[in-house]
PDB file of N, CA and C in Angstrom:
ATOM      1  N   PRO A   1       0.795  -1.213   0.000  1.00  0.00           N
ATOM      2  CA  PRO A   1       0.000   0.000   0.000  1.00  0.00           C
ATOM      3  C   PRO A   1       0.834   1.272   0.000  1.00  0.00           C
ATOM      4  N   ASP A   2       2.090   1.178   0.512  1.00  0.00           N
ATOM      5  CA  ASP A   2       2.902   2.386   0.591  1.00  0.00           C
ATOM      6  C   ASP A   2       3.837   2.551  -0.601  1.00  0.00           C
ATOM      7  N   GLY A   3       3.882   1.577  -1.519  1.00  0.00           N
ATOM      8  CA  GLY A   3       4.720   1.680  -2.703  1.00  0.00           C
ATOM      9  C   GLY A   3       6.179   1.361  -2.477  1.00  0.00           C
ATOM     10  N   LEU A   4       6.544   0.983  -1.263  1.00  0.00           N
ATOM     11  CA  LEU A   4       7.935   0.663  -0.949  1.00  0.00           C
ATOM     12  C   LEU A   4       8.226  -0.806  -1.234  1.00  0.00           C
ATOM     13  N   PRO A   5       9.502  -1.137  -1.541  1.00  0.00           N
ATOM     14  CA  PRO A   5       9.860  -2.540  -1.762  1.00  0.00           C
ATOM     15  C   PRO A   5       9.527  -3.385  -0.535  1.00  0.00           C
ATOM     16  N   VAL A   6       9.284  -4.672  -0.768  1.00  0.00           N
ATOM     17  CA  VAL A   6       8.983  -5.601   0.321  1.00  0.00           C
ATOM     18  C   VAL A   6      10.021  -6.715   0.322  1.00  0.00           C
ATOM     19  N   SER A   7      10.165  -7.373   1.457  1.00  0.00           N
ATOM     20  CA  SER A   7      11.089  -8.502   1.572  1.00  0.00           C
ATOM     21  C   SER A   7      10.297  -9.797   1.665  1.00  0.00           C
ATOM     22  N   SER A   8      10.771 -10.802   0.946  1.00  0.00           N
ATOM     23  CA  SER A   8      10.116 -12.105   0.984  1.00  0.00           C
ATOM     24  C   SER A   8      10.541 -12.866   2.233  1.00  0.00           C
ATOM     25  N   PHE A   9       9.925 -14.018   2.431  1.00  0.00           N
ATOM     26  CA  PHE A   9      10.258 -14.889   3.554  1.00  0.00           C
ATOM     27  C   PHE A   9      11.737 -15.260   3.529  1.00  0.00           C
ATOM     28  N   SER A  10      12.298 -15.419   2.326  1.00  0.00           N
ATOM     29  CA  SER A  10      13.707 -15.789   2.184  1.00  0.00           C
ATOM     30  C   SER A  10      14.613 -14.569   2.075  1.00  0.00           C
ATOM     31  N   ASP A  11      14.095 -13.408   2.472  1.00  0.00           N
ATOM     32  CA  ASP A  11      14.846 -12.152   2.515  1.00  0.00           C
ATOM     33  C   ASP A  11      15.258 -11.636   1.133  1.00  0.00           C
ATOM     34  N   VAL A  12      14.447 -11.894   0.129  1.00  0.00           N
ATOM     35  CA  VAL A  12      14.663 -11.344  -1.203  1.00  0.00           C
ATOM     36  C   VAL A  12      13.848 -10.063  -1.300  1.00  0.00           C
ATOM     37  N   THR A  13      14.476  -8.968  -1.718  1.00  0.00           N
ATOM     38  CA  THR A  13      13.778  -7.698  -1.858  1.00  0.00           C
ATOM     39  C   THR A  13      13.020  -7.669  -3.182  1.00  0.00           C
ATOM     40  N   LEU A  14      11.736  -7.357  -3.101  1.00  0.00           N
ATOM     41  CA  LEU A  14      10.878  -7.291  -4.280  1.00  0.00           C
ATOM     42  C   LEU A  14      10.440  -5.847  -4.497  1.00  0.00           C
ATOM     43  N   PRO A  15      10.833  -5.250  -5.632  1.00  0.00           N
ATOM     44  CA  PRO A  15      10.420  -3.873  -5.887  1.00  0.00           C
ATOM     45  C   PRO A  15       8.928  -3.801  -6.198  1.00  0.00           C
ATOM     46  N   VAL A  16       8.338  -2.682  -5.915  1.00  0.00           N
ATOM     47  CA  VAL A  16       6.919  -2.458  -6.203  1.00  0.00           C
ATOM     48  C   VAL A  16       6.823  -1.631  -7.477  1.00  0.00           C
ATOM     49  N   ASP A  17       6.022  -2.116  -8.429  1.00  0.00           N
ATOM     50  CA  ASP A  17       5.921  -1.439  -9.715  1.00  0.00           C
ATOM     51  C   ASP A  17       4.491  -1.040 -10.056  1.00  0.00           C
ATOM     52  N   GLY A  18       3.572  -1.243  -9.133  1.00  0.00           N
ATOM     53  CA  GLY A  18       2.184  -0.900  -9.388  1.00  0.00           C
ATOM     54  C   GLY A  18       1.294  -1.421  -8.286  1.00  0.00           C
ATOM     55  N   ALA A  19       0.030  -1.130  -8.402  1.00  0.00           N
ATOM     56  CA  ALA A  19      -0.932  -1.553  -7.387  1.00  0.00           C
ATOM     57  C   ALA A  19      -1.150  -3.061  -7.448  1.00  0.00           C
ATOM     58  N   LEU A  20      -1.329  -3.670  -6.298  1.00  0.00           N
ATOM     59  CA  LEU A  20      -1.548  -5.107  -6.223  1.00  0.00           C
ATOM     60  C   LEU A  20      -2.802  -5.521  -6.986  1.00  0.00           C
ATOM     61  N   CYS A  21      -3.834  -4.693  -6.943  1.00  0.00           N
ATOM     62  CA  CYS A  21      -5.076  -5.034  -7.645  1.00  0.00           C
ATOM     63  C   CYS A  21      -4.891  -5.047  -9.161  1.00  0.00           C
ATOM     64  N   GLN A  22      -3.795  -4.468  -9.666  1.00  0.00           N
ATOM     65  CA  GLN A  22      -3.529  -4.451 -11.101  1.00  0.00           C
ATOM     66  C   GLN A  22      -2.564  -5.556 -11.520  1.00  0.00           C
ATOM     67  N   SER A  23      -2.138  -6.379 -10.587  1.00  0.00           N
ATOM     68  CA  SER A  23      -1.172  -7.427 -10.913  1.00  0.00           C
ATOM     69  C   SER A  23      -1.845  -8.573 -11.660  1.00  0.00           C
ATOM     70  N   ASP A  24      -1.049  -9.289 -12.440  1.00  0.00           N
ATOM     71  CA  ASP A  24      -1.585 -10.419 -13.191  1.00  0.00           C
ATOM     72  C   ASP A  24      -0.781 -11.689 -12.925  1.00  0.00           C
ATOM     73  N   ILE A  25      -0.295 -11.815 -11.703  1.00  0.00           N
ATOM     74  CA  ILE A  25       0.478 -12.987 -11.319  1.00  0.00           C
ATOM     75  C   ILE A  25       0.067 -13.419  -9.915  1.00  0.00           C
ATOM     76  N   ILE A  26       0.056 -14.704  -9.710  1.00  0.00           N
ATOM     77  CA  ILE A  26      -0.210 -15.257  -8.386  1.00  0.00           C
ATOM     78  C   ILE A  26       1.006 -16.085  -8.007  1.00  0.00           C
ATOM     79  N   VAL A  27       1.588 -15.799  -6.877  1.00  0.00           N
ATOM     80  CA  VAL A  27       2.762 -16.523  -6.400  1.00  0.00           C
ATOM     81  C   VAL A  27       2.317 -17.492  -5.314  1.00  0.00           C
ATOM     82  N   ILE A  28       2.587 -18.760  -5.525  1.00  0.00           N
ATOM     83  CA  ILE A  28       2.299 -19.777  -4.519  1.00  0.00           C
ATOM     84  C   ILE A  28       3.648 -20.223  -3.970  1.00  0.00           C
ATOM     85  N   PRO A  29       4.007 -19.752  -2.790  1.00  0.00           N
ATOM     86  CA  PRO A  29       5.333 -20.038  -2.235  1.00  0.00           C
ATOM     87  C   PRO A  29       5.575 -21.529  -2.032  1.00  0.00           C
ATOM     88  N   ALA A  30       6.809 -21.942  -2.277  1.00  0.00           N
ATOM     89  CA  ALA A  30       7.188 -23.347  -2.103  1.00  0.00           C
ATOM     90  C   ALA A  30       7.132 -23.774  -0.648  1.00  0.00           C
ATOM     91  N   PHE A  31       7.284 -22.854   0.287  1.00  0.00           N
ATOM     92  CA  PHE A  31       7.292 -23.242   1.697  1.00  0.00           C
ATOM     93  C   PHE A  31       5.917 -23.669   2.184  1.00  0.00           C
ATOM     94  N   TRP A  32       4.907 -23.587   1.322  1.00  0.00           N
ATOM     95  CA  TRP A  32       3.574 -24.076   1.689  1.00  0.00           C
ATOM     96  C   TRP A  32       3.533 -25.591   1.689  1.00  0.00           C
ATOM     97  N   ASP A  33       4.574 -26.217   1.186  1.00  0.00           N
ATOM     98  CA  ASP A  33       4.715 -27.665   1.228  1.00  0.00           C
ATOM     99  C   ASP A  33       3.771 -28.357   0.259  1.00  0.00           C
ATOM    100  N   ASP A  34       3.061 -29.343   0.697  1.00  0.00           N
ATOM    101  CA  ASP A  34       2.232 -30.189  -0.147  1.00  0.00           C
ATOM    102  C   ASP A  34       0.933 -29.475  -0.540  1.00  0.00           C
ATOM    103  N   PHE A  35       0.673 -29.373  -1.853  1.00  0.00           N
ATOM    104  CA  PHE A  35      -0.497 -28.638  -2.333  1.00  0.00           C
ATOM    105  C   PHE A  35      -1.799 -29.297  -1.893  1.00  0.00           C
ATOM    106  N   GLU A  36      -1.843 -30.624  -1.868  1.00  0.00           N
ATOM    107  CA  GLU A  36      -3.058 -31.324  -1.425  1.00  0.00           C
ATOM    108  C   GLU A  36      -3.373 -30.998   0.035  1.00  0.00           C
ATOM    109  N   THR A  37      -2.349 -30.974   0.861  1.00  0.00           N
ATOM    110  CA  THR A  37      -2.533 -30.624   2.272  1.00  0.00           C
ATOM    111  C   THR A  37      -3.005 -29.182   2.391  1.00  0.00           C
ATOM    112  N   LEU A  38      -2.426 -28.311   1.585  1.00  0.00           N
ATOM    113  CA  LEU A  38      -2.831 -26.907   1.573  1.00  0.00           C
ATOM    114  C   LEU A  38      -4.313 -26.779   1.226  1.00  0.00           C
ATOM    115  N   CYS A  39      -4.758 -27.504   0.201  1.00  0.00           N
ATOM    116  CA  CYS A  39      -6.164 -27.430  -0.219  1.00  0.00           C
ATOM    117  C   CYS A  39      -7.107 -27.971   0.846  1.00  0.00           C
ATOM    118  N   GLN A  40      -6.658 -28.979   1.583  1.00  0.00           N
ATOM    119  CA  GLN A  40      -7.489 -29.513   2.665  1.00  0.00           C
ATOM    120  C   GLN A  40      -7.578 -28.522   3.817  1.00  0.00           C
ATOM    121  N   ARG A  41      -6.471 -27.878   4.095  1.00  0.00           N
ATOM    122  CA  ARG A  41      -6.440 -26.924   5.211  1.00  0.00           C
ATOM    123  C   ARG A  41      -7.159 -25.628   4.863  1.00  0.00           C
ATOM    124  N   TYR A  42      -7.020 -25.195   3.613  1.00  0.00           N
ATOM    125  CA  TYR A  42      -7.637 -23.946   3.143  1.00  0.00           C
ATOM    126  C   TYR A  42      -8.483 -24.259   1.909  1.00  0.00           C
ATOM    127  N   PRO A  43      -9.673 -24.803   2.080  1.00  0.00           N
ATOM    128  CA  PRO A  43     -10.478 -25.230   0.933  1.00  0.00           C
ATOM    129  C   PRO A  43     -10.875 -24.101  -0.010  1.00  0.00           C
ATOM    130  N   GLN A  44     -10.790 -22.870   0.419  1.00  0.00           N
ATOM    131  CA  GLN A  44     -11.149 -21.743  -0.445  1.00  0.00           C
ATOM    132  C   GLN A  44     -10.070 -21.434  -1.485  1.00  0.00           C
ATOM    133  N   ILE A  45      -8.873 -22.004  -1.343  1.00  0.00           N
ATOM    134  CA  ILE A  45      -7.766 -21.693  -2.250  1.00  0.00           C
ATOM    135  C   ILE A  45      -8.054 -22.112  -3.687  1.00  0.00           C
ATOM    136  N   LEU A  46      -8.433 -23.365  -3.903  1.00  0.00           N
ATOM    137  CA  LEU A  46      -8.630 -23.856  -5.264  1.00  0.00           C
ATOM    138  C   LEU A  46      -9.751 -23.125  -6.000  1.00  0.00           C
ATOM    139  N   PRO A  47     -10.921 -22.903  -5.406  1.00  0.00           N
ATOM    140  CA  PRO A  47     -11.946 -22.108  -6.105  1.00  0.00           C
ATOM    141  C   PRO A  47     -11.462 -20.685  -6.417  1.00  0.00           C
ATOM    142  N   TRP A  48     -10.703 -20.096  -5.507  1.00  0.00           N
ATOM    143  CA  TRP A  48     -10.189 -18.744  -5.737  1.00  0.00           C
ATOM    144  C   TRP A  48      -9.204 -18.738  -6.901  1.00  0.00           C
ATOM    145  N   LEU A  49      -8.308 -19.736  -6.955  1.00  0.00           N
ATOM    146  CA  LEU A  49      -7.362 -19.816  -8.068  1.00  0.00           C
ATOM    147  C   LEU A  49      -8.100 -19.993  -9.395  1.00  0.00           C
ATOM    148  N   ARG A  50      -9.128 -20.822  -9.398  1.00  0.00           N
ATOM    149  CA  ARG A  50      -9.924 -21.010 -10.620  1.00  0.00           C
ATOM    150  C   ARG A  50     -10.604 -19.708 -11.041  1.00  0.00           C
ATOM    151  N   GLU A  51     -11.125 -18.979 -10.075  1.00  0.00           N
ATOM    152  CA  GLU A  51     -11.779 -17.699 -10.369  1.00  0.00           C
ATOM    153  C   GLU A  51     -10.781 -16.705 -10.945  1.00  0.00           C
ATOM    154  N   GLN A  52      -9.583 -16.660 -10.373  1.00  0.00           N
ATOM    155  CA  GLN A  52      -8.565 -15.745 -10.873  1.00  0.00           C
ATOM    156  C   GLN A  52      -8.167 -16.111 -12.298  1.00  0.00           C
ATOM    157  N   HIS A  53      -8.050 -17.399 -12.561  1.00  0.00           N
ATOM    158  CA  HIS A  53      -7.693 -17.864 -13.901  1.00  0.00           C
ATOM    159  C   HIS A  53      -8.776 -17.478 -14.916  1.00  0.00           C
ATOM    160  N   ALA A  54     -10.020 -17.589 -14.521  1.00  0.00           N
ATOM    161  CA  ALA A  54     -11.134 -17.248 -15.412  1.00  0.00           C
ATOM    162  C   ALA A  54     -11.189 -15.753 -15.709  1.00  0.00           C
ATOM    163  N   ASN A  55     -10.653 -14.936 -14.814  1.00  0.00           N
ATOM    164  CA  ASN A  55     -10.698 -13.479 -14.974  1.00  0.00           C
ATOM    165  C   ASN A  55      -9.548 -12.927 -15.798  1.00  0.00           C
ATOM    166  N   VAL A  56      -8.664 -13.775 -16.268  1.00  0.00           N
ATOM    167  CA  VAL A  56      -7.494 -13.297 -17.020  1.00  0.00           C
ATOM    168  C   VAL A  56      -7.879 -12.985 -18.437  1.00  0.00           C
TER     169      VAL A  56
END
């Protein structure tokens, strides 16, 4: 929201080049481990990813 660079979990600096609502990429971090386990724990993830894909 402030336009300043952010640091990732692995301490990589990511520059900000625009508003998040205007982005066209979804990053699914590797540290989330097993995708099936993730979907069971957060069942809203897969429908949301499908919705985002449909909006491209």
